[in-house]
Amino acid sequence: MNLLPKHSLYLILALWGFSSVASAEIKIGFVNAVKIMESAPQVESANARLEKEFAPKQRRIGALRQQLSKADSKLAKDGAIMSESKRRDLERDIISKRRELQRHQDEFREDYNIRRNEELDKLQKKIIEEIQRLAKKERYDMILSDGVVWASDKVDITNKVLKNLARSK
């Protein structure tokens, strides 16, 4: 005769399994992603690369602004005493320069955003790899980041990640 119903046996086994999991110590860490993106040395070098790459385009935009400013000043100063055809030619030139400047600014912004996103993707991959490497080395069961409202210093491994990123720069 079977004293324990089949379901009761499953329940006992399940509770025994949960109690052994509950008694196991779980190691959890936290990484402040914003702090890492603000402080990682790789961010500075990525910004320097972008600055160097886009400096010629910025200079070109600055030169166009200067040309437009000179033309605007000339129209404001001499427009009343110019012949109708010269004034109309200068106005057309100003409109053309404004369009050219706007086009260059739009292209610059688009190109810069594409390159910045590429650099950010590379940096994020490097940061994730470093967090995973640290988690495996120090045997963390879970690392949390975004969406955490509060984490104590005991579980915050942000500074460890930043130190490792500085070494691997």
N, C-alpha and C. Protein backbone atom coordinates (compact mmCIF):
# COMPACT_ATOMS: atom_id res chain seq x y z
N MET A 1 0.83 -1.17 0.00
CA MET A 1 0.00 0.00 0.00
C MET A 1 0.88 1.24 0.00
N ASN A 2 0.56 2.22 -0.85
CA ASN A 2 1.35 3.43 -0.99
C ASN A 2 0.78 4.49 -0.07
N LEU A 3 1.57 4.92 0.95
CA LEU A 3 1.08 5.89 1.92
C LEU A 3 1.10 7.32 1.39
N LEU A 4 2.08 7.67 0.57
CA LEU A 4 2.17 9.03 0.02
C LEU A 4 1.64 9.06 -1.40
N PRO A 5 0.71 9.95 -1.66
CA PRO A 5 0.25 10.07 -3.04
C PRO A 5 1.40 10.56 -3.91
N LYS A 6 1.30 10.27 -5.19
CA LYS A 6 2.36 10.61 -6.13
C LYS A 6 2.65 12.11 -6.13
N HIS A 7 1.64 12.97 -6.06
CA HIS A 7 1.82 14.42 -6.08
C HIS A 7 2.56 14.91 -4.85
N SER A 8 2.32 14.30 -3.73
CA SER A 8 2.99 14.70 -2.49
C SER A 8 4.49 14.44 -2.60
N LEU A 9 4.87 13.35 -3.21
CA LEU A 9 6.28 13.04 -3.39
C LEU A 9 6.96 14.10 -4.24
N TYR A 10 6.30 14.51 -5.33
CA TYR A 10 6.86 15.56 -6.19
C TYR A 10 6.99 16.87 -5.42
N LEU A 11 6.00 17.19 -4.59
CA LEU A 11 6.03 18.42 -3.81
C LEU A 11 7.20 18.39 -2.83
N ILE A 12 7.41 17.29 -2.18
CA ILE A 12 8.52 17.17 -1.23
C ILE A 12 9.86 17.32 -1.96
N LEU A 13 10.01 16.68 -3.10
CA LEU A 13 11.26 16.80 -3.87
C LEU A 13 11.48 18.24 -4.33
N ALA A 14 10.42 18.90 -4.76
CA ALA A 14 10.54 20.29 -5.22
C ALA A 14 10.95 21.21 -4.07
N LEU A 15 10.31 21.04 -2.91
CA LEU A 15 10.66 21.87 -1.75
C LEU A 15 12.09 21.62 -1.30
N TRP A 16 12.54 20.40 -1.36
CA TRP A 16 13.91 20.07 -0.99
C TRP A 16 14.89 20.75 -1.96
N GLY A 17 14.56 20.75 -3.23
CA GLY A 17 15.40 21.41 -4.25
C GLY A 17 15.44 22.91 -4.04
N PHE A 18 14.30 23.53 -3.74
CA PHE A 18 14.26 24.97 -3.50
C PHE A 18 15.04 25.35 -2.26
N SER A 19 14.96 24.52 -1.22
CA SER A 19 15.68 24.85 0.02
C SER A 19 17.18 24.78 -0.19
N SER A 20 17.65 23.86 -1.03
CA SER A 20 19.09 23.78 -1.26
C SER A 20 19.56 24.96 -2.12
N VAL A 21 18.73 25.43 -3.04
CA VAL A 21 19.08 26.60 -3.84
C VAL A 21 19.05 27.84 -2.96
N ALA A 22 18.07 27.95 -2.10
CA ALA A 22 17.94 29.11 -1.24
C ALA A 22 19.09 29.20 -0.25
N SER A 23 19.62 28.05 0.18
CA SER A 23 20.72 28.10 1.14
C SER A 23 22.05 28.38 0.46
N ALA A 24 22.13 28.23 -0.86
CA ALA A 24 23.37 28.53 -1.57
C ALA A 24 23.55 30.04 -1.62
N GLU A 25 24.80 30.48 -1.45
CA GLU A 25 25.09 31.91 -1.48
C GLU A 25 25.20 32.38 -2.93
N ILE A 26 24.48 33.43 -3.23
CA ILE A 26 24.49 33.98 -4.57
C ILE A 26 25.30 35.27 -4.53
N LYS A 27 26.26 35.41 -5.44
CA LYS A 27 27.11 36.59 -5.49
C LYS A 27 26.62 37.50 -6.61
N ILE A 28 26.17 38.69 -6.23
CA ILE A 28 25.62 39.66 -7.18
C ILE A 28 26.47 40.92 -7.16
N GLY A 29 26.71 41.46 -8.34
CA GLY A 29 27.44 42.72 -8.47
C GLY A 29 26.63 43.73 -9.23
N PHE A 30 27.05 44.98 -9.14
CA PHE A 30 26.38 46.07 -9.83
C PHE A 30 27.41 46.92 -10.55
N VAL A 31 27.09 47.37 -11.76
CA VAL A 31 27.96 48.25 -12.53
C VAL A 31 27.17 49.49 -12.91
N ASN A 32 27.72 50.65 -12.59
CA ASN A 32 27.12 51.92 -12.95
C ASN A 32 27.57 52.28 -14.37
N ALA A 33 26.72 52.00 -15.34
CA ALA A 33 27.07 52.19 -16.75
C ALA A 33 27.34 53.65 -17.09
N VAL A 34 26.59 54.56 -16.49
CA VAL A 34 26.78 55.99 -16.75
C VAL A 34 28.16 56.42 -16.29
N LYS A 35 28.55 55.99 -15.09
CA LYS A 35 29.87 56.35 -14.56
C LYS A 35 30.97 55.80 -15.45
N ILE A 36 30.80 54.59 -15.93
CA ILE A 36 31.82 53.99 -16.80
C ILE A 36 31.92 54.78 -18.10
N MET A 37 30.79 55.13 -18.70
CA MET A 37 30.82 55.88 -19.97
C MET A 37 31.39 57.28 -19.78
N GLU A 38 31.30 57.83 -18.58
CA GLU A 38 31.87 59.15 -18.31
C GLU A 38 33.35 59.07 -17.96
N SER A 39 33.79 57.96 -17.38
CA SER A 39 35.13 57.90 -16.81
C SER A 39 36.11 56.98 -17.52
N ALA A 40 35.65 56.11 -18.37
CA ALA A 40 36.56 55.16 -19.02
C ALA A 40 37.55 55.91 -19.91
N PRO A 41 38.83 55.56 -19.82
CA PRO A 41 39.84 56.25 -20.64
C PRO A 41 39.61 56.06 -22.14
N GLN A 42 38.95 54.99 -22.51
CA GLN A 42 38.67 54.74 -23.92
C GLN A 42 37.70 55.78 -24.49
N VAL A 43 36.87 56.38 -23.64
CA VAL A 43 35.94 57.41 -24.09
C VAL A 43 36.73 58.64 -24.56
N GLU A 44 37.73 59.02 -23.76
CA GLU A 44 38.58 60.16 -24.13
C GLU A 44 39.29 59.92 -25.45
N SER A 45 39.86 58.75 -25.62
CA SER A 45 40.59 58.48 -26.86
C SER A 45 39.64 58.41 -28.05
N ALA A 46 38.44 57.90 -27.86
CA ALA A 46 37.46 57.87 -28.95
C ALA A 46 37.05 59.29 -29.34
N ASN A 47 36.85 60.14 -28.33
CA ASN A 47 36.52 61.54 -28.61
C ASN A 47 37.65 62.25 -29.35
N ALA A 48 38.89 61.96 -28.96
CA ALA A 48 40.05 62.57 -29.63
C ALA A 48 40.12 62.11 -31.09
N ARG A 49 39.87 60.83 -31.33
CA ARG A 49 39.87 60.33 -32.72
C ARG A 49 38.81 61.02 -33.56
N LEU A 50 37.61 61.15 -32.99
CA LEU A 50 36.52 61.81 -33.72
C LEU A 50 36.84 63.28 -33.99
N GLU A 51 37.40 63.94 -32.98
CA GLU A 51 37.77 65.34 -33.15
C GLU A 51 38.79 65.51 -34.27
N LYS A 52 39.79 64.67 -34.28
CA LYS A 52 40.83 64.75 -35.31
C LYS A 52 40.25 64.45 -36.69
N GLU A 53 39.40 63.44 -36.76
CA GLU A 53 38.81 63.04 -38.03
C GLU A 53 37.91 64.12 -38.62
N PHE A 54 37.17 64.83 -37.75
CA PHE A 54 36.19 65.79 -38.24
C PHE A 54 36.67 67.25 -38.19
N ALA A 55 37.89 67.49 -37.77
CA ALA A 55 38.42 68.86 -37.72
C ALA A 55 38.42 69.54 -39.09
N PRO A 56 38.85 68.87 -40.17
CA PRO A 56 38.83 69.55 -41.47
C PRO A 56 37.41 69.99 -41.89
N LYS A 57 36.43 69.16 -41.63
CA LYS A 57 35.06 69.51 -41.98
C LYS A 57 34.58 70.69 -41.13
N GLN A 58 34.98 70.72 -39.86
CA GLN A 58 34.60 71.84 -39.00
C GLN A 58 35.24 73.13 -39.48
N ARG A 59 36.50 73.05 -39.91
CA ARG A 59 37.18 74.25 -40.43
C ARG A 59 36.47 74.75 -41.70
N ARG A 60 36.06 73.82 -42.56
CA ARG A 60 35.35 74.20 -43.79
C ARG A 60 34.04 74.90 -43.45
N ILE A 61 33.31 74.39 -42.49
CA ILE A 61 32.05 75.02 -42.07
C ILE A 61 32.33 76.40 -41.49
N GLY A 62 33.40 76.54 -40.72
CA GLY A 62 33.76 77.85 -40.17
C GLY A 62 34.09 78.85 -41.26
N ALA A 63 34.80 78.40 -42.28
CA ALA A 63 35.14 79.29 -43.41
C ALA A 63 33.88 79.72 -44.15
N LEU A 64 32.95 78.80 -44.35
CA LEU A 64 31.68 79.14 -45.00
C LEU A 64 30.89 80.16 -44.18
N ARG A 65 30.90 79.99 -42.86
CA ARG A 65 30.20 80.95 -41.98
C ARG A 65 30.82 82.35 -42.13
N GLN A 66 32.15 82.38 -42.18
CA GLN A 66 32.83 83.67 -42.32
C GLN A 66 32.47 84.33 -43.65
N GLN A 67 32.47 83.56 -44.73
CA GLN A 67 32.11 84.10 -46.04
C GLN A 67 30.69 84.65 -46.03
N LEU A 68 29.80 83.91 -45.43
CA LEU A 68 28.40 84.33 -45.34
C LEU A 68 28.28 85.60 -44.51
N SER A 69 29.00 85.65 -43.41
CA SER A 69 28.96 86.83 -42.55
C SER A 69 29.48 88.07 -43.28
N LYS A 70 30.56 87.91 -44.03
CA LYS A 70 31.10 89.05 -44.80
C LYS A 70 30.09 89.52 -45.84
N ALA A 71 29.48 88.57 -46.53
CA ALA A 71 28.49 88.94 -47.55
C ALA A 71 27.29 89.63 -46.92
N ASP A 72 26.83 89.13 -45.77
CA ASP A 72 25.72 89.76 -45.06
C ASP A 72 26.08 91.19 -44.65
N SER A 73 27.30 91.36 -44.12
CA SER A 73 27.77 92.68 -43.70
C SER A 73 27.83 93.64 -44.88
N LYS A 74 28.35 93.14 -45.98
CA LYS A 74 28.45 93.98 -47.19
C LYS A 74 27.07 94.41 -47.67
N LEU A 75 26.12 93.50 -47.66
CA LEU A 75 24.76 93.84 -48.08
C LEU A 75 24.15 94.87 -47.13
N ALA A 76 24.34 94.68 -45.84
CA ALA A 76 23.78 95.61 -44.86
C ALA A 76 24.42 96.99 -44.99
N LYS A 77 25.72 97.01 -45.22
CA LYS A 77 26.45 98.28 -45.28
C LYS A 77 26.25 98.99 -46.62
N ASP A 78 26.38 98.24 -47.72
CA ASP A 78 26.39 98.87 -49.04
C ASP A 78 25.13 98.61 -49.87
N GLY A 79 24.19 97.85 -49.35
CA GLY A 79 23.01 97.47 -50.12
C GLY A 79 22.22 98.65 -50.63
N ALA A 80 22.12 99.70 -49.85
CA ALA A 80 21.32 100.86 -50.24
C ALA A 80 21.97 101.64 -51.37
N ILE A 81 23.30 101.61 -51.47
CA ILE A 81 23.97 102.40 -52.50
C ILE A 81 24.39 101.57 -53.72
N MET A 82 24.15 100.26 -53.68
CA MET A 82 24.50 99.38 -54.80
C MET A 82 23.49 99.52 -55.93
N SER A 83 23.95 99.17 -57.10
CA SER A 83 23.00 99.11 -58.22
C SER A 83 22.07 97.93 -57.98
N GLU A 84 20.91 97.99 -58.58
CA GLU A 84 19.90 96.94 -58.40
C GLU A 84 20.45 95.57 -58.77
N SER A 85 21.17 95.47 -59.89
CA SER A 85 21.70 94.18 -60.33
C SER A 85 22.78 93.64 -59.39
N LYS A 86 23.66 94.54 -58.89
CA LYS A 86 24.71 94.09 -57.96
C LYS A 86 24.09 93.64 -56.63
N ARG A 87 23.08 94.38 -56.19
CA ARG A 87 22.43 94.01 -54.93
C ARG A 87 21.73 92.66 -55.09
N ARG A 88 21.05 92.46 -56.21
CA ARG A 88 20.35 91.19 -56.48
C ARG A 88 21.37 90.04 -56.57
N ASP A 89 22.50 90.27 -57.23
CA ASP A 89 23.55 89.24 -57.33
C ASP A 89 24.10 88.89 -55.95
N LEU A 90 24.31 89.92 -55.12
CA LEU A 90 24.81 89.67 -53.76
C LEU A 90 23.78 88.91 -52.94
N GLU A 91 22.52 89.25 -53.06
CA GLU A 91 21.46 88.53 -52.34
C GLU A 91 21.40 87.07 -52.77
N ARG A 92 21.53 86.83 -54.07
CA ARG A 92 21.55 85.44 -54.56
C ARG A 92 22.76 84.70 -54.03
N ASP A 93 23.89 85.38 -54.02
CA ASP A 93 25.12 84.77 -53.48
C ASP A 93 24.94 84.41 -52.01
N ILE A 94 24.31 85.27 -51.26
CA ILE A 94 24.06 85.01 -49.83
C ILE A 94 23.13 83.80 -49.67
N ILE A 95 22.08 83.74 -50.46
CA ILE A 95 21.16 82.60 -50.40
C ILE A 95 21.90 81.31 -50.75
N SER A 96 22.73 81.37 -51.78
CA SER A 96 23.51 80.20 -52.19
C SER A 96 24.47 79.75 -51.08
N LYS A 97 25.14 80.72 -50.45
CA LYS A 97 26.07 80.40 -49.36
C LYS A 97 25.33 79.80 -48.15
N ARG A 98 24.13 80.32 -47.87
CA ARG A 98 23.34 79.78 -46.75
C ARG A 98 22.96 78.32 -47.03
N ARG A 99 22.55 78.04 -48.25
CA ARG A 99 22.21 76.67 -48.62
C ARG A 99 23.42 75.76 -48.51
N GLU A 100 24.54 76.24 -49.02
CA GLU A 100 25.77 75.44 -48.97
C GLU A 100 26.19 75.17 -47.52
N LEU A 101 26.11 76.23 -46.70
CA LEU A 101 26.45 76.07 -45.28
C LEU A 101 25.52 75.06 -44.63
N GLN A 102 24.22 75.19 -44.88
CA GLN A 102 23.25 74.27 -44.28
C GLN A 102 23.52 72.83 -44.72
N ARG A 103 23.82 72.65 -46.00
CA ARG A 103 24.11 71.31 -46.53
C ARG A 103 25.36 70.72 -45.85
N HIS A 104 26.41 71.53 -45.73
CA HIS A 104 27.63 71.05 -45.07
C HIS A 104 27.38 70.72 -43.59
N GLN A 105 26.60 71.55 -42.92
CA GLN A 105 26.30 71.30 -41.52
C GLN A 105 25.50 70.00 -41.36
N ASP A 106 24.52 69.80 -42.24
CA ASP A 106 23.71 68.57 -42.17
C ASP A 106 24.57 67.34 -42.44
N GLU A 107 25.43 67.41 -43.45
CA GLU A 107 26.33 66.29 -43.76
C GLU A 107 27.27 66.02 -42.60
N PHE A 108 27.81 67.10 -42.03
CA PHE A 108 28.72 66.95 -40.88
C PHE A 108 28.01 66.25 -39.74
N ARG A 109 26.83 66.73 -39.39
CA ARG A 109 26.08 66.16 -38.27
C ARG A 109 25.78 64.68 -38.51
N GLU A 110 25.35 64.36 -39.72
CA GLU A 110 25.02 62.97 -40.05
C GLU A 110 26.26 62.08 -40.00
N ASP A 111 27.34 62.51 -40.63
CA ASP A 111 28.59 61.73 -40.63
C ASP A 111 29.14 61.57 -39.22
N TYR A 112 29.10 62.66 -38.46
CA TYR A 112 29.62 62.62 -37.08
C TYR A 112 28.80 61.65 -36.24
N ASN A 113 27.48 61.69 -36.36
CA ASN A 113 26.63 60.79 -35.57
C ASN A 113 26.87 59.33 -35.93
N ILE A 114 27.06 59.06 -37.21
CA ILE A 114 27.34 57.68 -37.62
C ILE A 114 28.64 57.20 -37.01
N ARG A 115 29.70 58.01 -37.11
CA ARG A 115 31.00 57.63 -36.57
C ARG A 115 30.98 57.54 -35.04
N ARG A 116 30.27 58.46 -34.39
CA ARG A 116 30.17 58.42 -32.94
C ARG A 116 29.48 57.14 -32.49
N ASN A 117 28.41 56.76 -33.19
CA ASN A 117 27.71 55.53 -32.85
C ASN A 117 28.60 54.30 -33.06
N GLU A 118 29.42 54.33 -34.12
CA GLU A 118 30.37 53.22 -34.33
C GLU A 118 31.36 53.13 -33.17
N GLU A 119 31.88 54.28 -32.75
CA GLU A 119 32.82 54.29 -31.63
C GLU A 119 32.15 53.84 -30.34
N LEU A 120 30.92 54.27 -30.11
CA LEU A 120 30.18 53.86 -28.92
C LEU A 120 29.92 52.36 -28.92
N ASP A 121 29.58 51.81 -30.08
CA ASP A 121 29.36 50.36 -30.17
C ASP A 121 30.62 49.60 -29.79
N LYS A 122 31.77 50.03 -30.33
CA LYS A 122 33.04 49.37 -30.00
C LYS A 122 33.32 49.46 -28.51
N LEU A 123 33.10 50.64 -27.95
CA LEU A 123 33.37 50.85 -26.53
C LEU A 123 32.44 50.01 -25.67
N GLN A 124 31.17 49.97 -26.01
CA GLN A 124 30.22 49.18 -25.23
C GLN A 124 30.58 47.70 -25.26
N LYS A 125 31.00 47.20 -26.42
CA LYS A 125 31.42 45.80 -26.51
C LYS A 125 32.62 45.54 -25.61
N LYS A 126 33.58 46.46 -25.61
CA LYS A 126 34.77 46.31 -24.77
C LYS A 126 34.38 46.31 -23.29
N ILE A 127 33.48 47.21 -22.91
CA ILE A 127 33.04 47.29 -21.52
C ILE A 127 32.32 46.01 -21.11
N ILE A 128 31.44 45.53 -21.95
CA ILE A 128 30.71 44.29 -21.64
C ILE A 128 31.69 43.12 -21.51
N GLU A 129 32.66 43.03 -22.42
CA GLU A 129 33.66 41.96 -22.32
C GLU A 129 34.43 42.06 -21.01
N GLU A 130 34.78 43.27 -20.60
CA GLU A 130 35.52 43.45 -19.35
C GLU A 130 34.67 43.08 -18.15
N ILE A 131 33.41 43.44 -18.16
CA ILE A 131 32.50 43.08 -17.06
C ILE A 131 32.36 41.57 -16.99
N GLN A 132 32.17 40.92 -18.13
CA GLN A 132 32.02 39.47 -18.15
C GLN A 132 33.31 38.78 -17.68
N ARG A 133 34.46 39.29 -18.10
CA ARG A 133 35.74 38.72 -17.68
C ARG A 133 35.89 38.83 -16.17
N LEU A 134 35.58 40.00 -15.62
CA LEU A 134 35.67 40.22 -14.18
C LEU A 134 34.67 39.34 -13.43
N ALA A 135 33.46 39.21 -13.97
CA ALA A 135 32.44 38.38 -13.32
C ALA A 135 32.88 36.92 -13.27
N LYS A 136 33.46 36.42 -14.34
CA LYS A 136 33.93 35.03 -14.35
C LYS A 136 35.12 34.85 -13.41
N LYS A 137 36.04 35.80 -13.44
CA LYS A 137 37.25 35.71 -12.61
C LYS A 137 36.89 35.71 -11.12
N GLU A 138 35.96 36.59 -10.74
CA GLU A 138 35.60 36.71 -9.33
C GLU A 138 34.35 35.90 -8.97
N ARG A 139 33.89 35.08 -9.90
CA ARG A 139 32.78 34.14 -9.69
C ARG A 139 31.48 34.79 -9.24
N TYR A 140 31.08 35.82 -9.97
CA TYR A 140 29.77 36.42 -9.72
C TYR A 140 28.72 35.58 -10.40
N ASP A 141 27.55 35.48 -9.76
CA ASP A 141 26.42 34.77 -10.35
C ASP A 141 25.61 35.70 -11.25
N MET A 142 25.64 36.99 -10.92
CA MET A 142 24.84 37.95 -11.67
C MET A 142 25.45 39.34 -11.52
N ILE A 143 25.49 40.09 -12.64
CA ILE A 143 25.91 41.49 -12.61
C ILE A 143 24.73 42.31 -13.14
N LEU A 144 24.31 43.29 -12.36
CA LEU A 144 23.20 44.15 -12.75
C LEU A 144 23.74 45.51 -13.18
N SER A 145 22.97 46.20 -14.01
CA SER A 145 23.38 47.52 -14.45
C SER A 145 22.17 48.43 -14.53
N ASP A 146 21.69 48.71 -15.72
CA ASP A 146 20.58 49.65 -15.91
C ASP A 146 19.33 49.17 -15.20
N GLY A 147 18.57 50.13 -14.72
CA GLY A 147 17.30 49.81 -14.08
C GLY A 147 17.41 49.55 -12.59
N VAL A 148 18.62 49.60 -12.04
CA VAL A 148 18.80 49.39 -10.61
C VAL A 148 18.58 50.74 -9.91
N VAL A 149 17.69 50.76 -8.94
CA VAL A 149 17.39 52.00 -8.24
C VAL A 149 18.47 52.33 -7.23
N TRP A 150 19.01 51.32 -6.58
CA TRP A 150 20.06 51.55 -5.58
C TRP A 150 20.89 50.28 -5.43
N ALA A 151 22.17 50.48 -5.21
CA ALA A 151 23.07 49.35 -4.93
C ALA A 151 24.09 49.81 -3.91
N SER A 152 24.38 48.97 -2.95
CA SER A 152 25.36 49.34 -1.93
C SER A 152 26.77 49.23 -2.49
N ASP A 153 27.71 49.85 -1.80
CA ASP A 153 29.12 49.79 -2.21
C ASP A 153 29.64 48.36 -2.18
N LYS A 154 29.02 47.52 -1.38
CA LYS A 154 29.44 46.13 -1.25
C LYS A 154 29.32 45.37 -2.56
N VAL A 155 28.30 45.70 -3.37
CA VAL A 155 28.10 44.99 -4.63
C VAL A 155 28.51 45.80 -5.85
N ASP A 156 28.88 47.07 -5.65
CA ASP A 156 29.23 47.95 -6.78
C ASP A 156 30.66 47.65 -7.23
N ILE A 157 30.80 47.12 -8.44
CA ILE A 157 32.12 46.77 -8.98
C ILE A 157 32.56 47.74 -10.08
N THR A 158 31.88 48.88 -10.16
CA THR A 158 32.17 49.87 -11.21
C THR A 158 33.64 50.28 -11.20
N ASN A 159 34.18 50.59 -10.04
CA ASN A 159 35.58 51.05 -9.98
C ASN A 159 36.56 49.95 -10.40
N LYS A 160 36.24 48.70 -10.10
CA LYS A 160 37.09 47.59 -10.56
C LYS A 160 37.10 47.53 -12.08
N VAL A 161 35.92 47.68 -12.67
CA VAL A 161 35.82 47.64 -14.13
C VAL A 161 36.61 48.80 -14.74
N LEU A 162 36.48 50.00 -14.14
CA LEU A 162 37.22 51.16 -14.66
C LEU A 162 38.73 50.95 -14.55
N LYS A 163 39.19 50.36 -13.44
CA LYS A 163 40.63 50.10 -13.30
C LYS A 163 41.10 49.13 -14.38
N ASN A 164 40.32 48.09 -14.63
CA ASN A 164 40.70 47.12 -15.67
C ASN A 164 40.66 47.75 -17.06
N LEU A 165 39.70 48.61 -17.31
CA LEU A 165 39.64 49.31 -18.60
C LEU A 165 40.85 50.23 -18.77
N ALA A 166 41.28 50.87 -17.69
CA ALA A 166 42.45 51.74 -17.75
C ALA A 166 43.71 50.93 -18.08
N ARG A 167 43.78 49.72 -17.54
CA ARG A 167 44.96 48.86 -17.83
C ARG A 167 44.96 48.38 -19.28
N SER A 168 43.76 48.16 -19.82
CA SER A 168 43.67 47.61 -21.18
C SER A 168 43.56 48.69 -22.24
N LYS A 169 43.76 49.92 -21.87
CA LYS A 169 43.65 51.06 -22.79
C LYS A 169 44.56 50.86 -23.93
